[in-house]
C-alpha atoms as a PDB file:
ATOM      1  CA  MET A   1      14.695   4.384  14.780  1.00  0.00           C
ATOM      2  CA  SER A   2      16.268   6.326  17.715  1.00  0.00           C
ATOM      3  CA  ARG A   3      20.059   6.782  17.695  1.00  0.00           C
ATOM      4  CA  LEU A   4      19.907   6.416  21.371  1.00  0.00           C
ATOM      5  CA  SER A   5      19.974   2.363  22.999  1.00  0.00           C
ATOM      6  CA  ILE A   6      18.038   1.355  25.469  1.00  0.00           C
ATOM      7  CA  ASP A   7      20.885   0.659  27.644  1.00  0.00           C
ATOM      8  CA  GLN A   8      21.958   4.466  27.568  1.00  0.00           C
ATOM      9  CA  LEU A   9      18.861   5.705  29.060  1.00  0.00           C
ATOM     10  CA  SER A  10      19.390   7.345  32.574  1.00  0.00           C
ATOM     11  CA  ILE A  11      16.047   6.507  34.720  1.00  0.00           C
ATOM     12  CA  LEU A  12      14.748   7.593  37.846  1.00  0.00           C
ATOM     13  CA  LEU A  13      12.489   5.076  39.490  1.00  0.00           C
ATOM     14  CA  LEU A  14       9.554   6.272  42.216  1.00  0.00           C
ATOM     15  CA  GLU A  15       7.796   3.587  43.442  1.00  0.00           C
ATOM     16  CA  PRO A  16       7.068   3.395  47.269  1.00  0.00           C
ATOM     17  CA  SER A  17       6.729  -0.333  47.721  1.00  0.00           C
ATOM     18  CA  PRO A  18       9.857  -2.152  48.361  1.00  0.00           C
ATOM     19  CA  THR A  19       8.570  -5.251  46.426  1.00  0.00           C
ATOM     20  CA  GLN A  20       7.601  -3.950  43.427  1.00  0.00           C
ATOM     21  CA  ARG A  21      10.459  -1.648  43.282  1.00  0.00           C
ATOM     22  CA  LYS A  22      12.903  -4.866  43.273  1.00  0.00           C
ATOM     23  CA  ILE A  23      10.054  -6.254  40.110  1.00  0.00           C
ATOM     24  CA  ILE A  24      10.460  -3.523  37.907  1.00  0.00           C
ATOM     25  CA  THR A  25      14.588  -3.158  38.276  1.00  0.00           C
ATOM     26  CA  THR A  26      14.245  -6.792  37.646  1.00  0.00           C
ATOM     27  CA  ARG A  27      12.570  -6.321  34.322  1.00  0.00           C
ATOM     28  CA  LEU A  28      14.931  -3.067  33.172  1.00  0.00           C
ATOM     29  CA  ALA A  29      17.692  -5.084  34.009  1.00  0.00           C
ATOM     30  CA  ASP A  30      16.400  -8.159  31.552  1.00  0.00           C
ATOM     31  CA  ALA A  31      15.044  -5.167  28.721  1.00  0.00           C
ATOM     32  CA  GLY A  32      18.437  -4.195  28.954  1.00  0.00           C
ATOM     33  CA  ASN A  33      18.868  -1.168  31.148  1.00  0.00           C
ATOM     34  CA  ARG A  34      20.774  -1.140  34.407  1.00  0.00           C
ATOM     35  CA  ASN A  35      21.346   2.581  35.136  1.00  0.00           C
ATOM     36  CA  VAL A  36      18.771   3.381  37.423  1.00  0.00           C
ATOM     37  CA  GLU A  37      18.082   5.402  40.640  1.00  0.00           C
ATOM     38  CA  CYS A  38      15.518   4.154  42.908  1.00  0.00           C
ATOM     39  CA  PHE A  39      13.452   6.639  45.219  1.00  0.00           C
ATOM     40  CA  SER A  40      10.493   5.861  47.701  1.00  0.00           C
ATOM     41  CA  THR A  41       9.103   8.931  48.284  1.00  0.00           C
ATOM     42  CA  VAL A  42       8.010  11.850  46.392  1.00  0.00           C
ATOM     43  CA  ASP A  43      10.371  14.737  48.020  1.00  0.00           C
ATOM     44  CA  THR A  44      13.719  12.571  47.668  1.00  0.00           C
ATOM     45  CA  ALA A  45      12.658  12.032  43.913  1.00  0.00           C
ATOM     46  CA  TRP A  46      12.094  15.784  43.502  1.00  0.00           C
ATOM     47  CA  ASN A  47      15.200  16.549  45.039  1.00  0.00           C
ATOM     48  CA  SER A  48      17.332  14.580  42.787  1.00  0.00           C
ATOM     49  CA  LEU A  49      15.127  15.847  39.540  1.00  0.00           C
ATOM     50  CA  GLU A  50      15.720  19.532  40.469  1.00  0.00           C
ATOM     51  CA  LYS A  51      19.569  18.483  40.662  1.00  0.00           C
ATOM     52  CA  GLY A  52      19.426  17.108  37.034  1.00  0.00           C
ATOM     53  CA  ALA A  53      16.737  15.635  35.222  1.00  0.00           C
ATOM     54  CA  PRO A  54      17.109  12.052  33.751  1.00  0.00           C
ATOM     55  CA  ASP A  55      16.440  10.656  30.526  1.00  0.00           C
ATOM     56  CA  LEU A  56      12.963   8.929  31.812  1.00  0.00           C
ATOM     57  CA  VAL A  57      10.839   9.035  34.790  1.00  0.00           C
ATOM     58  CA  ILE A  58       9.254   6.061  35.748  1.00  0.00           C
ATOM     59  CA  SER A  59       6.497   6.066  38.777  1.00  0.00           C
ATOM     60  CA  SER A  60       3.580   4.119  40.283  1.00  0.00           C
ATOM     61  CA  MET A  61       0.275   5.803  40.121  1.00  0.00           C
ATOM     62  CA  TYR A  62      -0.560   6.459  44.086  1.00  0.00           C
ATOM     63  CA  LEU A  63       2.274   7.829  46.164  1.00  0.00           C
ATOM     64  CA  GLU A  64       2.353   9.092  49.392  1.00  0.00           C
ATOM     65  CA  GLN A  65       1.777  12.926  48.783  1.00  0.00           C
ATOM     66  CA  MET A  66       0.527  13.156  45.116  1.00  0.00           C
ATOM     67  CA  THR A  67      -0.517  10.698  42.752  1.00  0.00           C
ATOM     68  CA  GLY A  68       1.748  10.019  39.187  1.00  0.00           C
ATOM     69  CA  SER A  69      -0.686  12.529  37.424  1.00  0.00           C
ATOM     70  CA  ASP A  70       0.074  15.045  39.873  1.00  0.00           C
ATOM     71  CA  LEU A  71       4.049  14.244  39.306  1.00  0.00           C
ATOM     72  CA  LEU A  72       3.805  14.442  35.712  1.00  0.00           C
ATOM     73  CA  ILE A  73       1.934  18.210  35.797  1.00  0.00           C
ATOM     74  CA  ARG A  74       4.115  19.224  38.228  1.00  0.00           C
ATOM     75  CA  MET A  75       6.961  18.196  36.152  1.00  0.00           C
ATOM     76  CA  ARG A  76       5.634  19.705  32.904  1.00  0.00           C
ATOM     77  CA  GLU A  77       5.327  23.346  34.735  1.00  0.00           C
ATOM     78  CA  HIS A  78       8.923  23.070  35.539  1.00  0.00           C
ATOM     79  CA  ALA A  79      11.660  24.584  33.431  1.00  0.00           C
ATOM     80  CA  ASP A  80      14.382  21.966  33.354  1.00  0.00           C
ATOM     81  CA  LEU A  81      11.838  19.125  33.535  1.00  0.00           C
ATOM     82  CA  LYS A  82       8.760  20.036  31.263  1.00  0.00           C
ATOM     83  CA  ASP A  83      10.549  17.653  28.428  1.00  0.00           C
ATOM     84  CA  THR A  84      11.397  14.987  30.319  1.00  0.00           C
ATOM     85  CA  PRO A  85       9.953  11.410  29.522  1.00  0.00           C
ATOM     86  CA  PHE A  86       6.982  10.440  31.558  1.00  0.00           C
ATOM     87  CA  MET A  87       6.176   6.165  31.916  1.00  0.00           C
ATOM     88  CA  LEU A  88       3.445   5.212  34.738  1.00  0.00           C
ATOM     89  CA  ILE A  89       3.408   1.891  35.772  1.00  0.00           C
ATOM     90  CA  SER A  90       0.075   0.919  37.587  1.00  0.00           C
ATOM     91  CA  SER A  91      -2.946  -1.235  37.835  1.00  0.00           C
ATOM     92  CA  GLU A  92      -5.391   1.311  37.109  1.00  0.00           C
ATOM     93  CA  SER A  93      -7.611   1.380  34.304  1.00  0.00           C
ATOM     94  CA  LYS A  94     -10.618   3.757  35.185  1.00  0.00           C
ATOM     95  CA  TRP A  95     -10.270   6.530  32.045  1.00  0.00           C
ATOM     96  CA  LYS A  96     -11.099   9.553  34.480  1.00  0.00           C
ATOM     97  CA  ASN A  97      -7.886   8.897  36.608  1.00  0.00           C
ATOM     98  CA  LEU A  98      -5.859   8.732  33.288  1.00  0.00           C
ATOM     99  CA  GLU A  99      -7.221  11.478  31.260  1.00  0.00           C
ATOM    100  CA  ALA A 100      -4.831  13.897  32.926  1.00  0.00           C
ATOM    101  CA  LEU A 101      -1.952  11.783  32.464  1.00  0.00           C
ATOM    102  CA  LYS A 102      -2.535  11.532  28.643  1.00  0.00           C
ATOM    103  CA  GLN A 103      -3.618  15.144  28.669  1.00  0.00           C
ATOM    104  CA  ALA A 104      -0.071  16.027  30.190  1.00  0.00           C
ATOM    105  CA  GLY A 105       1.739  13.789  27.698  1.00  0.00           C
ATOM    106  CA  VAL A 106       2.770  10.784  29.560  1.00  0.00           C
ATOM    107  CA  MET A 107       4.926   8.540  27.053  1.00  0.00           C
ATOM    108  CA  ALA A 108       3.561   5.362  28.335  1.00  0.00           C
ATOM    109  CA  ILE A 109       1.317   3.238  30.330  1.00  0.00           C
ATOM    110  CA  LEU A 110       2.337   0.038  31.483  1.00  0.00           C
ATOM    111  CA  PRO A 111      -0.608  -2.260  33.034  1.00  0.00           C
ATOM    112  CA  LYS A 112       0.170  -4.563  35.726  1.00  0.00           C
ATOM    113  CA  PRO A 113       1.345  -6.855  35.124  1.00  0.00           C
ATOM    114  CA  PHE A 114       3.675  -6.515  32.248  1.00  0.00           C
ATOM    115  CA  ASN A 115       6.568  -8.714  30.841  1.00  0.00           C
ATOM    116  CA  VAL A 116      10.187  -7.888  29.746  1.00  0.00           C
ATOM    117  CA  GLU A 117       8.886  -6.892  25.883  1.00  0.00           C
ATOM    118  CA  ASP A 118       6.604  -4.191  27.086  1.00  0.00           C
ATOM    119  CA  MET A 119       9.079  -3.038  29.294  1.00  0.00           C
ATOM    120  CA  LYS A 120      11.920  -2.771  26.228  1.00  0.00           C
ATOM    121  CA  MET A 121       9.055  -1.326  23.889  1.00  0.00           C
ATOM    122  CA  ALA A 122       8.355   1.432  26.104  1.00  0.00           C
ATOM    123  CA  LEU A 123      12.060   2.362  26.706  1.00  0.00           C
ATOM    124  CA  GLN A 124      12.639   2.024  22.836  1.00  0.00           C
ATOM    125  CA  THR A 125       9.777   4.612  22.786  1.00  0.00           C
ATOM    126  CA  ALA A 126      11.412   7.053  24.936  1.00  0.00           C
ATOM    127  CA  ALA A 127      14.218   6.861  23.538  1.00  0.00           C
ATOM    128  CA  ASP A 128      12.936   7.595  20.213  1.00  0.00           C
ATOM    129  CA  TYR A 129      11.203  10.372  21.415  1.00  0.00           C
ATOM    130  CA  ILE A 130      14.700  11.753  22.848  1.00  0.00           C
ATOM    131  CA  ASP A 131      16.743  11.483  20.054  1.00  0.00           C
ATOM    132  CA  PRO A 132      14.744  10.889  17.193  1.00  0.00           C
ATOM    133  CA  GLU A 133      15.442  10.363  13.488  1.00  0.00           C
ATOM    134  CA  GLU A 134      13.880  13.604  11.391  1.00  0.00           C
ATOM    135  CA  PHE A 135      11.251  13.259   9.289  1.00  0.00           C
ATOM    136  CA  ARG A 136      11.740  12.837   5.468  1.00  0.00           C
ATOM    137  CA  SER A 137      10.011  12.566   2.368  1.00  0.00           C
ATOM    138  CA  ALA A 138      10.854  12.794  -1.000  1.00  0.00           C
ATOM    139  CA  ALA A 139       7.524  14.910  -1.855  1.00  0.00           C
ATOM    140  CA  PHE A 140       8.424  17.590   0.617  1.00  0.00           C
ATOM    141  CA  ASP A 141      10.873  19.795   3.436  1.00  0.00           C
ATOM    142  CA  ALA A 142       9.764  19.062   6.903  1.00  0.00           C
ATOM    143  CA  GLU A 143      10.913  22.209   7.860  1.00  0.00           C
ATOM    144  CA  GLU A 144       8.522  23.602   5.224  1.00  0.00           C
ATOM    145  CA  LEU A 145       5.600  22.187   6.443  1.00  0.00           C
ATOM    146  CA  HIS A 146       2.767  24.199   8.524  1.00  0.00           C
ATOM    147  CA  ILE A 147       1.084  22.579  11.103  1.00  0.00           C
ATOM    148  CA  LEU A 148      -1.827  23.762  12.801  1.00  0.00           C
ATOM    149  CA  ILE A 149      -2.062  22.271  16.585  1.00  0.00           C
ATOM    150  CA  VAL A 150      -5.708  22.262  18.274  1.00  0.00           C
ATOM    151  CA  ASP A 151      -5.634  21.713  21.912  1.00  0.00           C
ATOM    152  CA  ASP A 152      -7.500  23.036  24.628  1.00  0.00           C
ATOM    153  CA  SER A 153      -4.481  21.745  27.081  1.00  0.00           C
ATOM    154  CA  SER A 154      -1.591  23.817  26.651  1.00  0.00           C
ATOM    155  CA  THR A 155       0.365  21.010  28.017  1.00  0.00           C
ATOM    156  CA  ALA A 156      -0.599  18.696  25.391  1.00  0.00           C
ATOM    157  CA  ARG A 157      -0.095  21.282  22.811  1.00  0.00           C
ATOM    158  CA  LYS A 158       3.459  21.628  23.840  1.00  0.00           C
ATOM    159  CA  HIS A 159       3.939  18.512  24.041  1.00  0.00           C
ATOM    160  CA  ILE A 160       2.799  17.772  20.597  1.00  0.00           C
ATOM    161  CA  ARG A 161       5.145  20.540  19.364  1.00  0.00           C
ATOM    162  CA  ASN A 162       8.179  19.763  20.732  1.00  0.00           C
ATOM    163  CA  LEU A 163       7.577  15.920  19.480  1.00  0.00           C
ATOM    164  CA  LEU A 164       7.208  17.530  15.818  1.00  0.00           C
ATOM    165  CA  ARG A 165      10.138  19.869  16.570  1.00  0.00           C
ATOM    166  CA  LYS A 166      12.410  16.741  17.269  1.00  0.00           C
ATOM    167  CA  MET A 167      11.409  15.617  14.222  1.00  0.00           C
ATOM    168  CA  GLY A 168      12.702  18.644  12.120  1.00  0.00           C
ATOM    169  CA  MET A 169       9.283  20.520  11.814  1.00  0.00           C
ATOM    170  CA  GLU A 170       9.424  24.016  12.826  1.00  0.00           C
ATOM    171  CA  LYS A 171       6.607  25.980  11.324  1.00  0.00           C
ATOM    172  CA  ILE A 172       4.047  25.211  14.127  1.00  0.00           C
ATOM    173  CA  SER A 173       0.663  26.950  15.222  1.00  0.00           C
ATOM    174  CA  LEU A 174      -1.048  26.435  18.777  1.00  0.00           C
ATOM    175  CA  VAL A 175      -4.742  27.362  19.429  1.00  0.00           C
ATOM    176  CA  ASN A 176      -7.069  26.671  22.347  1.00  0.00           C
ATOM    177  CA  ASP A 177      -9.836  25.113  20.262  1.00  0.00           C
ATOM    178  CA  GLY A 178     -12.210  24.729  17.312  1.00  0.00           C
ATOM    179  CA  THR A 179     -13.209  28.120  16.883  1.00  0.00           C
ATOM    180  CA  GLU A 180     -10.113  29.650  17.077  1.00  0.00           C
ATOM    181  CA  ALA A 181      -8.447  26.810  14.663  1.00  0.00           C
ATOM    182  CA  VAL A 182     -11.623  28.578  12.243  1.00  0.00           C
ATOM    183  CA  GLU A 183     -10.815  31.664  12.779  1.00  0.00           C
ATOM    184  CA  ILE A 184      -6.485  31.038  12.063  1.00  0.00           C
ATOM    185  CA  MET A 185      -7.759  29.048   9.092  1.00  0.00           C
ATOM    186  CA  LYS A 186      -9.346  31.921   7.261  1.00  0.00           C
ATOM    187  CA  GLU A 187      -5.698  34.140   7.486  1.00  0.00           C
ATOM    188  CA  THR A 188      -3.189  31.400   7.158  1.00  0.00           C
ATOM    189  CA  ILE A 189      -2.406  28.237   4.540  1.00  0.00           C
ATOM    190  CA  PHE A 190      -1.585  24.614   6.708  1.00  0.00           C
ATOM    191  CA  ASP A 191      -0.432  21.775   5.523  1.00  0.00           C
ATOM    192  CA  LEU A 192      -2.087  19.463   8.416  1.00  0.00           C
ATOM    193  CA  VAL A 193      -4.119  19.809  11.448  1.00  0.00           C
ATOM    194  CA  ILE A 194      -3.765  17.723  14.561  1.00  0.00           C
ATOM    195  CA  THR A 195      -6.674  18.066  16.709  1.00  0.00           C
ATOM    196  CA  ASP A 196      -7.611  17.087  20.244  1.00  0.00           C
ATOM    197  CA  TYR A 197     -10.959  15.523  20.260  1.00  0.00           C
ATOM    198  CA  ASN A 198     -12.764  16.833  23.652  1.00  0.00           C
ATOM    199  CA  MET A 199     -12.558  20.527  23.606  1.00  0.00           C
ATOM    200  CA  PRO A 200     -15.008  23.298  24.679  1.00  0.00           C
ATOM    201  CA  GLU A 201     -16.715  25.817  22.376  1.00  0.00           C
ATOM    202  CA  MET A 202     -16.035  23.603  18.818  1.00  0.00           C
ATOM    203  CA  ASP A 203     -14.735  20.197  19.845  1.00  0.00           C
ATOM    204  CA  GLY A 204     -12.527  18.128  16.860  1.00  0.00           C
ATOM    205  CA  GLU A 205     -15.321  16.293  15.367  1.00  0.00           C
ATOM    206  CA  LYS A 206     -17.399  19.659  15.132  1.00  0.00           C
ATOM    207  CA  LEU A 207     -14.125  21.279  13.849  1.00  0.00           C
ATOM    208  CA  THR A 208     -13.231  18.731  11.579  1.00  0.00           C
ATOM    209  CA  SER A 209     -16.688  19.034  10.037  1.00  0.00           C
ATOM    210  CA  HIS A 210     -16.465  23.047   9.707  1.00  0.00           C
ATOM    211  CA  ILE A 211     -13.197  22.230   7.737  1.00  0.00           C
ATOM    212  CA  ARG A 212     -14.751  19.449   5.391  1.00  0.00           C
ATOM    213  CA  ASN A 213     -17.976  21.599   4.467  1.00  0.00           C
ATOM    214  CA  HIS A 214     -17.137  25.438   5.106  1.00  0.00           C
ATOM    215  CA  SER A 215     -13.312  25.838   4.411  1.00  0.00           C
ATOM    216  CA  THR A 216     -11.176  27.032   1.735  1.00  0.00           C
ATOM    217  CA  GLN A 217      -8.853  24.058   3.119  1.00  0.00           C
ATOM    218  CA  SER A 218     -11.572  21.159   3.078  1.00  0.00           C
ATOM    219  CA  SER A 219      -8.833  18.632   1.711  1.00  0.00           C
ATOM    220  CA  ILE A 220      -6.363  19.348   4.101  1.00  0.00           C
ATOM    221  CA  PRO A 221      -5.115  16.113   6.181  1.00  0.00           C
ATOM    222  CA  ILE A 222      -6.555  16.029   9.644  1.00  0.00           C
ATOM    223  CA  LEU A 223      -5.119  13.933  12.554  1.00  0.00           C
ATOM    224  CA  MET A 224      -7.282  13.497  15.361  1.00  0.00           C
ATOM    225  CA  VAL A 225      -5.132  12.632  18.795  1.00  0.00           C
ATOM    226  CA  THR A 226      -7.564  11.722  21.523  1.00  0.00           C
ATOM    227  CA  SER A 227      -7.532   9.527  24.712  1.00  0.00           C
ATOM    228  CA  GLU A 228     -11.430   8.927  23.616  1.00  0.00           C
ATOM    229  CA  ASN A 229     -12.000   5.285  23.891  1.00  0.00           C
ATOM    230  CA  ASP A 230     -15.901   5.140  23.290  1.00  0.00           C
ATOM    231  CA  GLU A 231     -16.186   3.075  19.987  1.00  0.00           C
ATOM    232  CA  ALA A 232     -19.706   5.039  19.095  1.00  0.00           C
ATOM    233  CA  ARG A 233     -18.044   8.569  19.494  1.00  0.00           C
ATOM    234  CA  LEU A 234     -14.970   7.335  17.354  1.00  0.00           C
ATOM    235  CA  ASP A 235     -17.077   6.259  14.782  1.00  0.00           C
ATOM    236  CA  SER A 236     -18.879   9.577  14.814  1.00  0.00           C
ATOM    237  CA  VAL A 237     -15.362  11.402  14.185  1.00  0.00           C
ATOM    238  CA  LEU A 238     -14.562   9.186  11.275  1.00  0.00           C
ATOM    239  CA  LYS A 239     -17.796   9.833   9.618  1.00  0.00           C
ATOM    240  CA  SER A 240     -16.844  13.649  10.035  1.00  0.00           C
ATOM    241  CA  GLY A 241     -14.036  13.423   7.597  1.00  0.00           C
ATOM    242  CA  VAL A 242     -11.154  13.326   9.923  1.00  0.00           C
ATOM    243  CA  SER A 243      -8.188  11.371   7.756  1.00  0.00           C
ATOM    244  CA  ALA A 244      -6.817   9.205  10.858  1.00  0.00           C
ATOM    245  CA  VAL A 245      -6.836   8.864  14.748  1.00  0.00           C
ATOM    246  CA  CYS A 246      -4.041   8.360  17.087  1.00  0.00           C
ATOM    247  CA  ASP A 247      -4.788   7.021  20.756  1.00  0.00           C
ATOM    248  CA  LYS A 248      -2.989   8.803  23.430  1.00  0.00           C
ATOM    249  CA  PRO A 249      -0.191   7.934  24.617  1.00  0.00           C
ATOM    250  CA  PHE A 250       1.454   7.985  21.200  1.00  0.00           C
ATOM    251  CA  ASP A 251       5.302   7.042  20.098  1.00  0.00           C
ATOM    252  CA  VAL A 252       7.479   8.618  18.082  1.00  0.00           C
ATOM    253  CA  ASN A 253       7.302   5.972  15.348  1.00  0.00           C
ATOM    254  CA  HIS A 254       3.507   6.035  15.274  1.00  0.00           C
ATOM    255  CA  ILE A 255       3.128   9.256  14.315  1.00  0.00           C
ATOM    256  CA  ARG A 256       6.165   8.983  11.669  1.00  0.00           C
ATOM    257  CA  VAL A 257       4.484   6.664   9.760  1.00  0.00           C
ATOM    258  CA  LEU A 258       0.854   8.602  10.164  1.00  0.00           C
ATOM    259  CA  LEU A 259       2.559  11.708   8.805  1.00  0.00           C
ATOM    260  CA  GLY A 260       4.207   9.940   6.131  1.00  0.00           C
ATOM    261  CA  GLN A 261       0.639   8.252   4.853  1.00  0.00           C
ATOM    262  CA  LEU A 262      -1.023  11.929   5.246  1.00  0.00           C
ATOM    263  CA  LEU A 263       1.356  13.962   3.652  1.00  0.00           C
ATOM    264  CA  ALA A 264       2.385  11.689   0.985  1.00  0.00           C
END
């Protein structure tokens, strides 16, 4: 659990609708946070962001000049905002419209309508990300773990790396896809592979199958992090030999539990 409490979070809310802004700020207050600065346009919100990053940005999906996905990607490309947690509140449910958000490391997606408990969970996820407990295990030192992250999205790679670093892990290697992972694993011994599913050249399923059947590190734990929701494809992934599957977006505590299970 984070040492940072929900009421301590500084929040920037970007919502064009006055009615929705009132609903969201009321839910935030009910969840224990009144430290919210509200904006109705991207320009005014961005001006505020450039003056100083809040602990959390909450945005709707459809804005006047861009979408919430565009805003998050713009933040990830900004040196001072690239690590700022981002929450989407939207009734959008189409996978293709949410994929860019998930790849960019959205912290939480709250569907409309949502209740106070949903908001509390999302705020706690943000607090855990900002100030997480270090990963501790009696079996090994987190700083000595060597982890390989495989993802064709540079934003997603960096987001996962930053999350692991916040948990005390420093030896982290990044590659773009399965073919690069195969090559680096010929030269370097790793303790864990974290891979995306959808990648060009060699996807996560093919990479997993290769590791299990052709690599000298065939017993290495493999965690697949994906936004894939097709049950048939996920079933095929599990059969290929992954150790665990984690949905995007994910939270710090879930990752900590999975790592504890995989590396025990």
